All heavy atoms as atom14 arrays in JSON, in Angstrom:
{
  "sequence": "FRVEILGEHGKVIIETPGTYSLEQVDGELRLSVVEGTASIRTLDEQ",
  "atom14_mask": [
    [1, 1, 1, 1, 1, 1, 1, 1, 1, 1, 1, 0, 0, 0],
    [1, 1, 1, 1, 1, 1, 1, 1, 1, 1, 1, 0, 0, 0],
    [1, 1, 1, 1, 1, 1, 1, 0, 0, 0, 0, 0, 0, 0],
    [1, 1, 1, 1, 1, 1, 1, 1, 1, 0, 0, 0, 0, 0],
    [1, 1, 1, 1, 1, 1, 1, 1, 0, 0, 0, 0, 0, 0],
    [1, 1, 1, 1, 1, 1, 1, 1, 0, 0, 0, 0, 0, 0],
    [1, 1, 1, 1, 0, 0, 0, 0, 0, 0, 0, 0, 0, 0],
    [1, 1, 1, 1, 1, 1, 1, 1, 1, 0, 0, 0, 0, 0],
    [1, 1, 1, 1, 1, 1, 1, 1, 1, 1, 0, 0, 0, 0],
    [1, 1, 1, 1, 0, 0, 0, 0, 0, 0, 0, 0, 0, 0],
    [1, 1, 1, 1, 1, 1, 1, 1, 1, 0, 0, 0, 0, 0],
    [1, 1, 1, 1, 1, 1, 1, 0, 0, 0, 0, 0, 0, 0],
    [1, 1, 1, 1, 1, 1, 1, 1, 0, 0, 0, 0, 0, 0],
    [1, 1, 1, 1, 1, 1, 1, 1, 0, 0, 0, 0, 0, 0],
    [1, 1, 1, 1, 1, 1, 1, 1, 1, 0, 0, 0, 0, 0],
    [1, 1, 1, 1, 1, 1, 1, 0, 0, 0, 0, 0, 0, 0],
    [1, 1, 1, 1, 1, 1, 1, 0, 0, 0, 0, 0, 0, 0],
    [1, 1, 1, 1, 0, 0, 0, 0, 0, 0, 0, 0, 0, 0],
    [1, 1, 1, 1, 1, 1, 1, 0, 0, 0, 0, 0, 0, 0],
    [1, 1, 1, 1, 1, 1, 1, 1, 1, 1, 1, 1, 0, 0],
    [1, 1, 1, 1, 1, 1, 0, 0, 0, 0, 0, 0, 0, 0],
    [1, 1, 1, 1, 1, 1, 1, 1, 0, 0, 0, 0, 0, 0],
    [1, 1, 1, 1, 1, 1, 1, 1, 1, 0, 0, 0, 0, 0],
    [1, 1, 1, 1, 1, 1, 1, 1, 1, 0, 0, 0, 0, 0],
    [1, 1, 1, 1, 1, 1, 1, 0, 0, 0, 0, 0, 0, 0],
    [1, 1, 1, 1, 1, 1, 1, 1, 0, 0, 0, 0, 0, 0],
    [1, 1, 1, 1, 0, 0, 0, 0, 0, 0, 0, 0, 0, 0],
    [1, 1, 1, 1, 1, 1, 1, 1, 1, 0, 0, 0, 0, 0],
    [1, 1, 1, 1, 1, 1, 1, 1, 0, 0, 0, 0, 0, 0],
    [1, 1, 1, 1, 1, 1, 1, 1, 1, 1, 1, 0, 0, 0],
    [1, 1, 1, 1, 1, 1, 1, 1, 0, 0, 0, 0, 0, 0],
    [1, 1, 1, 1, 1, 1, 0, 0, 0, 0, 0, 0, 0, 0],
    [1, 1, 1, 1, 1, 1, 1, 0, 0, 0, 0, 0, 0, 0],
    [1, 1, 1, 1, 1, 1, 1, 0, 0, 0, 0, 0, 0, 0],
    [1, 1, 1, 1, 1, 1, 1, 1, 1, 0, 0, 0, 0, 0],
    [1, 1, 1, 1, 0, 0, 0, 0, 0, 0, 0, 0, 0, 0],
    [1, 1, 1, 1, 1, 1, 1, 0, 0, 0, 0, 0, 0, 0],
    [1, 1, 1, 1, 1, 0, 0, 0, 0, 0, 0, 0, 0, 0],
    [1, 1, 1, 1, 1, 1, 0, 0, 0, 0, 0, 0, 0, 0],
    [1, 1, 1, 1, 1, 1, 1, 1, 0, 0, 0, 0, 0, 0],
    [1, 1, 1, 1, 1, 1, 1, 1, 1, 1, 1, 0, 0, 0],
    [1, 1, 1, 1, 1, 1, 1, 0, 0, 0, 0, 0, 0, 0],
    [1, 1, 1, 1, 1, 1, 1, 1, 0, 0, 0, 0, 0, 0],
    [1, 1, 1, 1, 1, 1, 1, 1, 0, 0, 0, 0, 0, 0],
    [1, 1, 1, 1, 1, 1, 1, 1, 1, 0, 0, 0, 0, 0],
    [1, 1, 1, 1, 1, 1, 1, 1, 1, 0, 0, 0, 0, 0]
  ],
  "atom14_positions": [
    [[7.47, 8.36, 10.76], [7.95, 7.3, 9.88], [7.13, 7.27, 8.6], [5.99, 7.74, 8.53], [7.87, 5.93, 10.57], [6.47, 5.43, 10.79], [5.86, 4.59, 9.86], [5.74, 5.8, 11.91], [4.57, 4.13, 10.05], [4.45, 5.34, 12.11], [3.86, 4.51, 11.17], [0.0, 0.0, 0.0], [0.0, 0.0, 0.0], [0.0, 0.0, 0.0]],
    [[7.74, 6.67, 7.59], [7.08, 6.48, 6.29], [7.53, 5.13, 5.75], [8.73, 4.87, 5.61], [7.45, 7.58, 5.31], [6.9, 7.41, 3.89], [7.47, 8.48, 2.98], [7.12, 8.27, 1.58], [6.15, 8.9, 0.94], [5.41, 9.79, 1.6], [5.91, 8.67, -0.33], [0.0, 0.0, 0.0], [0.0, 0.0, 0.0], [0.0, 0.0, 0.0]],
    [[6.55, 4.24, 5.51], [6.82, 2.94, 4.92], [6.21, 2.95, 3.52], [5.02, 3.21, 3.34], [6.21, 1.8, 5.75], [6.46, 0.45, 5.07], [6.81, 1.79, 7.15], [0.0, 0.0, 0.0], [0.0, 0.0, 0.0], [0.0, 0.0, 0.0], [0.0, 0.0, 0.0], [0.0, 0.0, 0.0], [0.0, 0.0, 0.0], [0.0, 0.0, 0.0]],
    [[7.04, 2.66, 2.53], [6.6, 2.64, 1.13], [6.81, 1.24, 0.59], [7.92, 0.7, 0.65], [7.41, 3.66, 0.33], [6.95, 3.83, -1.1], [7.65, 5.0, -1.79], [7.89, 6.02, -1.11], [7.96, 4.88, -2.99], [0.0, 0.0, 0.0], [0.0, 0.0, 0.0], [0.0, 0.0, 0.0], [0.0, 0.0, 0.0], [0.0, 0.0, 0.0]],
    [[5.73, 0.64, 0.08], [5.81, -0.72, -0.45], [5.42, -0.68, -1.92], [4.29, -0.3, -2.27], [4.89, -1.67, 0.33], [5.31, -1.69, 1.81], [4.95, -3.08, -0.24], [4.42, -2.5, 2.7], [0.0, 0.0, 0.0], [0.0, 0.0, 0.0], [0.0, 0.0, 0.0], [0.0, 0.0, 0.0], [0.0, 0.0, 0.0], [0.0, 0.0, 0.0]],
    [[6.37, -1.05, -2.77], [6.19, -0.97, -4.21], [5.69, -2.3, -4.75], [6.23, -3.36, -4.43], [7.53, -0.62, -4.89], [8.24, 0.64, -4.38], [9.6, 0.78, -5.06], [7.38, 1.88, -4.63], [0.0, 0.0, 0.0], [0.0, 0.0, 0.0], [0.0, 0.0, 0.0], [0.0, 0.0, 0.0], [0.0, 0.0, 0.0], [0.0, 0.0, 0.0]],
    [[4.66, -2.24, -5.58], [4.16, -3.41, -6.27], [4.44, -3.3, -7.76], [5.21, -2.44, -8.21], [0.0, 0.0, 0.0], [0.0, 0.0, 0.0], [0.0, 0.0, 0.0], [0.0, 0.0, 0.0], [0.0, 0.0, 0.0], [0.0, 0.0, 0.0], [0.0, 0.0, 0.0], [0.0, 0.0, 0.0], [0.0, 0.0, 0.0], [0.0, 0.0, 0.0]],
    [[3.78, -4.15, -8.51], [4.03, -4.19, -9.95], [3.52, -2.95, -10.67], [4.17, -2.42, -11.58], [3.38, -5.44, -10.55], [3.7, -5.69, -12.01], [3.13, -7.0, -12.51], [2.68, -7.82, -11.68], [3.14, -7.21, -13.74], [0.0, 0.0, 0.0], [0.0, 0.0, 0.0], [0.0, 0.0, 0.0], [0.0, 0.0, 0.0], [0.0, 0.0, 0.0]],
    [[2.34, -2.44, -10.26], [1.73, -1.31, -10.95], [1.41, -0.14, -10.02], [0.78, 0.83, -10.46], [0.44, -1.74, -11.65], [0.65, -2.83, -12.66], [1.29, -2.61, -13.86], [0.32, -4.14, -12.63], [1.33, -3.75, -14.54], [0.76, -4.69, -13.81], [0.0, 0.0, 0.0], [0.0, 0.0, 0.0], [0.0, 0.0, 0.0], [0.0, 0.0, 0.0]],
    [[1.81, -0.23, -8.75], [1.5, 0.84, -7.83], [2.25, 0.68, -6.54], [3.17, -0.15, -6.42], [0.0, 0.0, 0.0], [0.0, 0.0, 0.0], [0.0, 0.0, 0.0], [0.0, 0.0, 0.0], [0.0, 0.0, 0.0], [0.0, 0.0, 0.0], [0.0, 0.0, 0.0], [0.0, 0.0, 0.0], [0.0, 0.0, 0.0], [0.0, 0.0, 0.0]],
    [[1.88, 1.47, -5.54], [2.57, 1.43, -4.26], [1.62, 1.83, -3.15], [0.58, 2.47, -3.37], [3.79, 2.33, -4.27], [3.51, 3.79, -4.57], [4.83, 4.56, -4.68], [4.59, 6.01, -5.09], [5.88, 6.75, -5.23], [0.0, 0.0, 0.0], [0.0, 0.0, 0.0], [0.0, 0.0, 0.0], [0.0, 0.0, 0.0], [0.0, 0.0, 0.0]],
    [[2.0, 1.45, -1.94], [1.24, 1.78, -0.73], [2.13, 2.6, 0.18], [3.31, 2.25, 0.4], [0.76, 0.5, -0.02], [0.16, 0.83, 1.34], [-0.27, -0.23, -0.89], [0.0, 0.0, 0.0], [0.0, 0.0, 0.0], [0.0, 0.0, 0.0], [0.0, 0.0, 0.0], [0.0, 0.0, 0.0], [0.0, 0.0, 0.0], [0.0, 0.0, 0.0]],
    [[1.58, 3.68, 0.72], [2.3, 4.55, 1.65], [1.63, 4.44, 3.02], [0.42, 4.65, 3.15], [2.3, 6.02, 1.19], [2.78, 6.14, -0.25], [3.15, 6.87, 2.14], [4.21, 5.72, -0.46], [0.0, 0.0, 0.0], [0.0, 0.0, 0.0], [0.0, 0.0, 0.0], [0.0, 0.0, 0.0], [0.0, 0.0, 0.0], [0.0, 0.0, 0.0]],
    [[2.43, 4.13, 4.05], [1.93, 4.01, 5.42], [2.69, 4.98, 6.29], [3.92, 4.94, 6.36], [2.09, 2.57, 5.94], [1.29, 1.59, 5.08], [1.69, 2.48, 7.4], [1.59, 0.14, 5.38], [0.0, 0.0, 0.0], [0.0, 0.0, 0.0], [0.0, 0.0, 0.0], [0.0, 0.0, 0.0], [0.0, 0.0, 0.0], [0.0, 0.0, 0.0]],
    [[1.94, 5.88, 6.97], [2.56, 6.88, 7.84], [1.87, 6.98, 9.19], [2.19, 7.88, 9.98], [2.56, 8.25, 7.14], [3.4, 8.28, 5.87], [3.36, 9.62, 5.16], [2.25, 10.02, 4.74], [4.41, 10.27, 5.05], [0.0, 0.0, 0.0], [0.0, 0.0, 0.0], [0.0, 0.0, 0.0], [0.0, 0.0, 0.0], [0.0, 0.0, 0.0]],
    [[0.94, 6.08, 9.48], [0.24, 6.09, 10.76], [0.3, 4.7, 11.38], [0.31, 3.69, 10.67], [-1.23, 6.51, 10.6], [-1.9, 5.58, 9.72], [-1.34, 7.9, 10.02], [0.0, 0.0, 0.0], [0.0, 0.0, 0.0], [0.0, 0.0, 0.0], [0.0, 0.0, 0.0], [0.0, 0.0, 0.0], [0.0, 0.0, 0.0], [0.0, 0.0, 0.0]],
    [[0.34, 4.62, 12.71], [0.34, 3.3, 13.37], [-0.88, 2.5, 12.98], [-1.97, 3.04, 12.76], [0.34, 3.66, 14.86], [0.92, 5.04, 14.92], [0.44, 5.72, 13.68], [0.0, 0.0, 0.0], [0.0, 0.0, 0.0], [0.0, 0.0, 0.0], [0.0, 0.0, 0.0], [0.0, 0.0, 0.0], [0.0, 0.0, 0.0], [0.0, 0.0, 0.0]],
    [[-0.71, 1.19, 12.92], [-1.82, 0.32, 12.57], [-1.36, -1.03, 12.1], [-0.17, -1.38, 12.19], [0.0, 0.0, 0.0], [0.0, 0.0, 0.0], [0.0, 0.0, 0.0], [0.0, 0.0, 0.0], [0.0, 0.0, 0.0], [0.0, 0.0, 0.0], [0.0, 0.0, 0.0], [0.0, 0.0, 0.0], [0.0, 0.0, 0.0], [0.0, 0.0, 0.0]],
    [[-2.3, -1.8, 11.55], [-2.01, -3.13, 11.03], [-2.52, -3.19, 9.59], [-3.68, -2.87, 9.32], [-2.71, -4.21, 11.87], [-2.3, -4.07, 13.23], [-2.32, -5.6, 11.38], [0.0, 0.0, 0.0], [0.0, 0.0, 0.0], [0.0, 0.0, 0.0], [0.0, 0.0, 0.0], [0.0, 0.0, 0.0], [0.0, 0.0, 0.0], [0.0, 0.0, 0.0]],
    [[-1.65, -3.62, 8.68], [-1.94, -3.57, 7.26], [-1.54, -4.9, 6.61], [-0.53, -5.5, 6.98], [-1.17, -2.43, 6.58], [-1.33, -1.09, 7.27], [-0.5, -0.74, 8.34], [-2.31, -0.2, 6.86], [-0.66, 0.48, 8.98], [-2.47, 1.03, 7.5], [-1.64, 1.36, 8.57], [-1.79, 2.56, 9.21], [0.0, 0.0, 0.0], [0.0, 0.0, 0.0]],
    [[-2.32, -5.33, 5.64], [-2.03, -6.55, 4.9], [-1.98, -6.22, 3.42], [-2.9, -5.58, 2.88], [-3.11, -7.61, 5.18], [-2.85, -8.78, 4.44], [0.0, 0.0, 0.0], [0.0, 0.0, 0.0], [0.0, 0.0, 0.0], [0.0, 0.0, 0.0], [0.0, 0.0, 0.0], [0.0, 0.0, 0.0], [0.0, 0.0, 0.0], [0.0, 0.0, 0.0]],
    [[-0.9, -6.64, 2.75], [-0.73, -6.38, 1.33], [-0.44, -7.68, 0.61], [0.23, -8.58, 1.14], [0.43, -5.4, 1.07], [0.28, -3.98, 1.62], [0.92, -3.89, 3.0], [0.94, -2.99, 0.68], [0.0, 0.0, 0.0], [0.0, 0.0, 0.0], [0.0, 0.0, 0.0], [0.0, 0.0, 0.0], [0.0, 0.0, 0.0], [0.0, 0.0, 0.0]],
    [[-0.93, -7.76, -0.62], [-0.74, -8.97, -1.42], [-0.5, -8.58, -2.87], [-1.25, -7.77, -3.43], [-1.95, -9.88, -1.29], [-1.78, -11.23, -1.95], [-2.96, -12.15, -1.69], [-4.06, -11.64, -1.42], [-2.78, -13.38, -1.74], [0.0, 0.0, 0.0], [0.0, 0.0, 0.0], [0.0, 0.0, 0.0], [0.0, 0.0, 0.0], [0.0, 0.0, 0.0]],
    [[0.53, -9.14, -3.48], [0.81, -8.98, -4.9], [0.5, -10.3, -5.59], [1.2, -11.29, -5.4], [2.28, -8.59, -5.14], [2.66, -8.42, -6.61], [2.04, -7.18, -7.23], [2.19, -6.06, -6.74], [1.33, -7.37, -8.32], [0.0, 0.0, 0.0], [0.0, 0.0, 0.0], [0.0, 0.0, 0.0], [0.0, 0.0, 0.0], [0.0, 0.0, 0.0]],
    [[-0.59, -10.34, -6.34], [-1.02, -11.58, -6.96], [-1.8, -11.26, -8.23], [-2.57, -10.29, -8.27], [-1.87, -12.43, -5.98], [-3.13, -11.71, -5.57], [-2.2, -13.78, -6.58], [0.0, 0.0, 0.0], [0.0, 0.0, 0.0], [0.0, 0.0, 0.0], [0.0, 0.0, 0.0], [0.0, 0.0, 0.0], [0.0, 0.0, 0.0], [0.0, 0.0, 0.0]],
    [[-1.6, -12.07, -9.27], [-2.32, -11.91, -10.54], [-2.22, -10.5, -11.09], [-3.18, -9.96, -11.67], [-3.8, -12.29, -10.37], [-3.98, -13.74, -9.96], [-3.11, -14.56, -10.31], [-4.99, -14.05, -9.29], [0.0, 0.0, 0.0], [0.0, 0.0, 0.0], [0.0, 0.0, 0.0], [0.0, 0.0, 0.0], [0.0, 0.0, 0.0], [0.0, 0.0, 0.0]],
    [[-1.04, -9.88, -10.92], [-0.84, -8.54, -11.44], [-1.47, -7.43, -10.64], [-1.4, -6.26, -11.01], [0.0, 0.0, 0.0], [0.0, 0.0, 0.0], [0.0, 0.0, 0.0], [0.0, 0.0, 0.0], [0.0, 0.0, 0.0], [0.0, 0.0, 0.0], [0.0, 0.0, 0.0], [0.0, 0.0, 0.0], [0.0, 0.0, 0.0], [0.0, 0.0, 0.0]],
    [[-2.11, -7.77, -9.49], [-2.76, -6.77, -8.66], [-2.01, -6.57, -7.35], [-1.49, -7.54, -6.78], [-4.2, -7.2, -8.33], [-5.11, -7.32, -9.52], [-6.52, -7.69, -9.12], [-6.8, -7.8, -7.89], [-7.36, -7.88, -10.02], [0.0, 0.0, 0.0], [0.0, 0.0, 0.0], [0.0, 0.0, 0.0], [0.0, 0.0, 0.0], [0.0, 0.0, 0.0]],
    [[-1.96, -5.33, -6.88], [-1.45, -5.03, -5.54], [-2.67, -4.75, -4.67], [-3.36, -3.75, -4.84], [-0.53, -3.81, -5.58], [0.03, -3.36, -4.22], [0.89, -4.45, -3.6], [0.82, -2.06, -4.35], [0.0, 0.0, 0.0], [0.0, 0.0, 0.0], [0.0, 0.0, 0.0], [0.0, 0.0, 0.0], [0.0, 0.0, 0.0], [0.0, 0.0, 0.0]],
    [[-2.96, -5.67, -3.74], [-4.16, -5.59, -2.91], [-3.8, -5.11, -1.52], [-2.8, -5.54, -0.94], [-4.84, -6.95, -2.85], [-5.24, -7.49, -4.21], [-5.7, -8.93, -4.14], [-6.01, -9.46, -5.47], [-6.29, -10.74, -5.72], [-6.31, -11.63, -4.73], [-6.56, -11.13, -6.95], [0.0, 0.0, 0.0], [0.0, 0.0, 0.0], [0.0, 0.0, 0.0]],
    [[-4.62, -4.24, -0.97], [-4.39, -3.66, 0.35], [-5.63, -3.81, 1.2], [-6.74, -3.48, 0.77], [-4.04, -2.17, 0.22], [-4.08, -1.34, 1.52], [-2.98, -1.77, 2.48], [-3.98, 0.15, 1.2], [0.0, 0.0, 0.0], [0.0, 0.0, 0.0], [0.0, 0.0, 0.0], [0.0, 0.0, 0.0], [0.0, 0.0, 0.0], [0.0, 0.0, 0.0]],
    [[-5.45, -4.33, 2.43], [-6.51, -4.37, 3.43], [-5.99, -3.66, 4.68], [-4.88, -3.96, 5.14], [-6.9, -5.81, 3.78], [-7.48, -6.46, 2.66], [0.0, 0.0, 0.0], [0.0, 0.0, 0.0], [0.0, 0.0, 0.0], [0.0, 0.0, 0.0], [0.0, 0.0, 0.0], [0.0, 0.0, 0.0], [0.0, 0.0, 0.0], [0.0, 0.0, 0.0]],
    [[-6.77, -2.74, 5.21], [-6.38, -1.99, 6.41], [-7.2, -2.53, 7.58], [-8.42, -2.39, 7.6], [-6.61, -0.49, 6.23], [-6.23, 0.26, 7.51], [-5.79, 0.03, 5.04], [0.0, 0.0, 0.0], [0.0, 0.0, 0.0], [0.0, 0.0, 0.0], [0.0, 0.0, 0.0], [0.0, 0.0, 0.0], [0.0, 0.0, 0.0], [0.0, 0.0, 0.0]],
    [[-6.52, -3.15, 8.53], [-7.19, -3.64, 9.73], [-7.34, -2.5, 10.72], [-8.42, -2.25, 11.26], [-6.39, -4.81, 10.36], [-7.09, -5.31, 11.62], [-6.22, -5.93, 9.35], [0.0, 0.0, 0.0], [0.0, 0.0, 0.0], [0.0, 0.0, 0.0], [0.0, 0.0, 0.0], [0.0, 0.0, 0.0], [0.0, 0.0, 0.0], [0.0, 0.0, 0.0]],
    [[-6.25, -1.79, 10.98], [-6.26, -0.6, 11.83], [-5.35, 0.44, 11.18], [-4.33, 0.1, 10.58], [-5.74, -0.93, 13.24], [-6.58, -1.94, 13.99], [-5.94, -2.33, 15.32], [-4.74, -2.03, 15.49], [-6.61, -2.94, 16.15], [0.0, 0.0, 0.0], [0.0, 0.0, 0.0], [0.0, 0.0, 0.0], [0.0, 0.0, 0.0], [0.0, 0.0, 0.0]],
    [[-5.72, 1.72, 11.32], [-4.88, 2.78, 10.77], [-5.43, 3.34, 9.47], [-6.59, 3.14, 9.1], [0.0, 0.0, 0.0], [0.0, 0.0, 0.0], [0.0, 0.0, 0.0], [0.0, 0.0, 0.0], [0.0, 0.0, 0.0], [0.0, 0.0, 0.0], [0.0, 0.0, 0.0], [0.0, 0.0, 0.0], [0.0, 0.0, 0.0], [0.0, 0.0, 0.0]],
    [[-4.55, 4.05, 8.75], [-4.9, 4.66, 7.47], [-3.69, 4.56, 6.54], [-2.55, 4.79, 6.96], [-5.28, 6.15, 7.64], [-6.4, 6.25, 8.5], [-5.62, 6.79, 6.3], [0.0, 0.0, 0.0], [0.0, 0.0, 0.0], [0.0, 0.0, 0.0], [0.0, 0.0, 0.0], [0.0, 0.0, 0.0], [0.0, 0.0, 0.0], [0.0, 0.0, 0.0]],
    [[-3.93, 4.2, 5.29], [-2.85, 4.09, 4.31], [-3.29, 4.74, 3.01], [-4.49, 4.95, 2.76], [-2.48, 2.63, 4.07], [0.0, 0.0, 0.0], [0.0, 0.0, 0.0], [0.0, 0.0, 0.0], [0.0, 0.0, 0.0], [0.0, 0.0, 0.0], [0.0, 0.0, 0.0], [0.0, 0.0, 0.0], [0.0, 0.0, 0.0], [0.0, 0.0, 0.0]],
    [[-2.33, 5.05, 2.16], [-2.59, 5.63, 0.85], [-2.09, 4.66, -0.21], [-0.96, 4.18, -0.13], [-1.89, 6.98, 0.71], [-1.99, 7.47, -0.61], [0.0, 0.0, 0.0], [0.0, 0.0, 0.0], [0.0, 0.0, 0.0], [0.0, 0.0, 0.0], [0.0, 0.0, 0.0], [0.0, 0.0, 0.0], [0.0, 0.0, 0.0], [0.0, 0.0, 0.0]],
    [[-2.92, 4.36, -1.2], [-2.48, 3.54, -2.33], [-2.41, 4.44, -3.55], [-3.31, 5.25, -3.8], [-3.43, 2.33, -2.54], [-2.81, 1.33, -3.52], [-4.82, 2.75, -2.94], [-3.48, -0.03, -3.51], [0.0, 0.0, 0.0], [0.0, 0.0, 0.0], [0.0, 0.0, 0.0], [0.0, 0.0, 0.0], [0.0, 0.0, 0.0], [0.0, 0.0, 0.0]],
    [[-1.32, 4.32, -4.32], [-1.06, 5.27, -5.41], [-0.53, 4.55, -6.63], [0.08, 3.49, -6.51], [-0.03, 6.33, -4.97], [-0.37, 7.01, -3.65], [0.7, 7.99, -3.23], [0.43, 8.52, -1.89], [1.18, 9.43, -1.27], [2.28, 9.89, -1.88], [0.86, 9.85, -0.07], [0.0, 0.0, 0.0], [0.0, 0.0, 0.0], [0.0, 0.0, 0.0]],
    [[-0.75, 5.14, -7.78], [-0.1, 4.65, -8.98], [1.38, 5.02, -8.91], [1.78, 5.9, -8.14], [-0.73, 5.27, -10.23], [-0.68, 6.71, -10.12], [-2.19, 4.84, -10.36], [0.0, 0.0, 0.0], [0.0, 0.0, 0.0], [0.0, 0.0, 0.0], [0.0, 0.0, 0.0], [0.0, 0.0, 0.0], [0.0, 0.0, 0.0], [0.0, 0.0, 0.0]],
    [[2.2, 4.33, -9.7], [3.64, 4.56, -9.62], [4.01, 6.0, -9.99], [4.99, 6.55, -9.46], [4.37, 3.57, -10.52], [4.35, 2.1, -10.06], [5.03, 1.2, -11.08], [5.01, 1.95, -8.69], [0.0, 0.0, 0.0], [0.0, 0.0, 0.0], [0.0, 0.0, 0.0], [0.0, 0.0, 0.0], [0.0, 0.0, 0.0], [0.0, 0.0, 0.0]],
    [[3.24, 6.62, -10.89], [3.53, 8.01, -11.26], [2.89, 9.0, -10.29], [3.03, 10.22, -10.47], [3.07, 8.29, -12.69], [1.56, 8.06, -12.88], [0.84, 7.87, -11.87], [1.11, 8.05, -14.04], [0.0, 0.0, 0.0], [0.0, 0.0, 0.0], [0.0, 0.0, 0.0], [0.0, 0.0, 0.0], [0.0, 0.0, 0.0], [0.0, 0.0, 0.0]],
    [[2.15, 8.49, -9.29], [1.49, 9.29, -8.26], [0.46, 10.26, -8.83], [0.11, 11.25, -8.21], [2.52, 10.04, -7.39], [3.49, 9.12, -6.67], [3.96, 9.67, -5.34], [3.49, 10.75, -4.96], [4.77, 9.0, -4.68], [0.0, 0.0, 0.0], [0.0, 0.0, 0.0], [0.0, 0.0, 0.0], [0.0, 0.0, 0.0], [0.0, 0.0, 0.0]],
    [[-0.06, 9.96, -10.02], [-1.11, 10.79, -10.59], [-2.48, 10.48, -10.0], [-3.4, 11.29, -10.04], [-1.14, 10.6, -12.12], [0.11, 11.1, -12.83], [0.34, 12.59, -12.59], [-0.52, 13.42, -12.85], [1.53, 12.92, -12.08], [0.0, 0.0, 0.0], [0.0, 0.0, 0.0], [0.0, 0.0, 0.0], [0.0, 0.0, 0.0], [0.0, 0.0, 0.0]]
  ]
}
């Protein structure tokens, strides 16, 4: 599986089991990983 969550200036990619918390606030996309591994990327993926 692949879960992609788009924010205002970036995105988070989740491909492993786990627990993840995301927040879009004040122009920021914030990610906290409780369990698992995730990738955070700019929209252009550079």
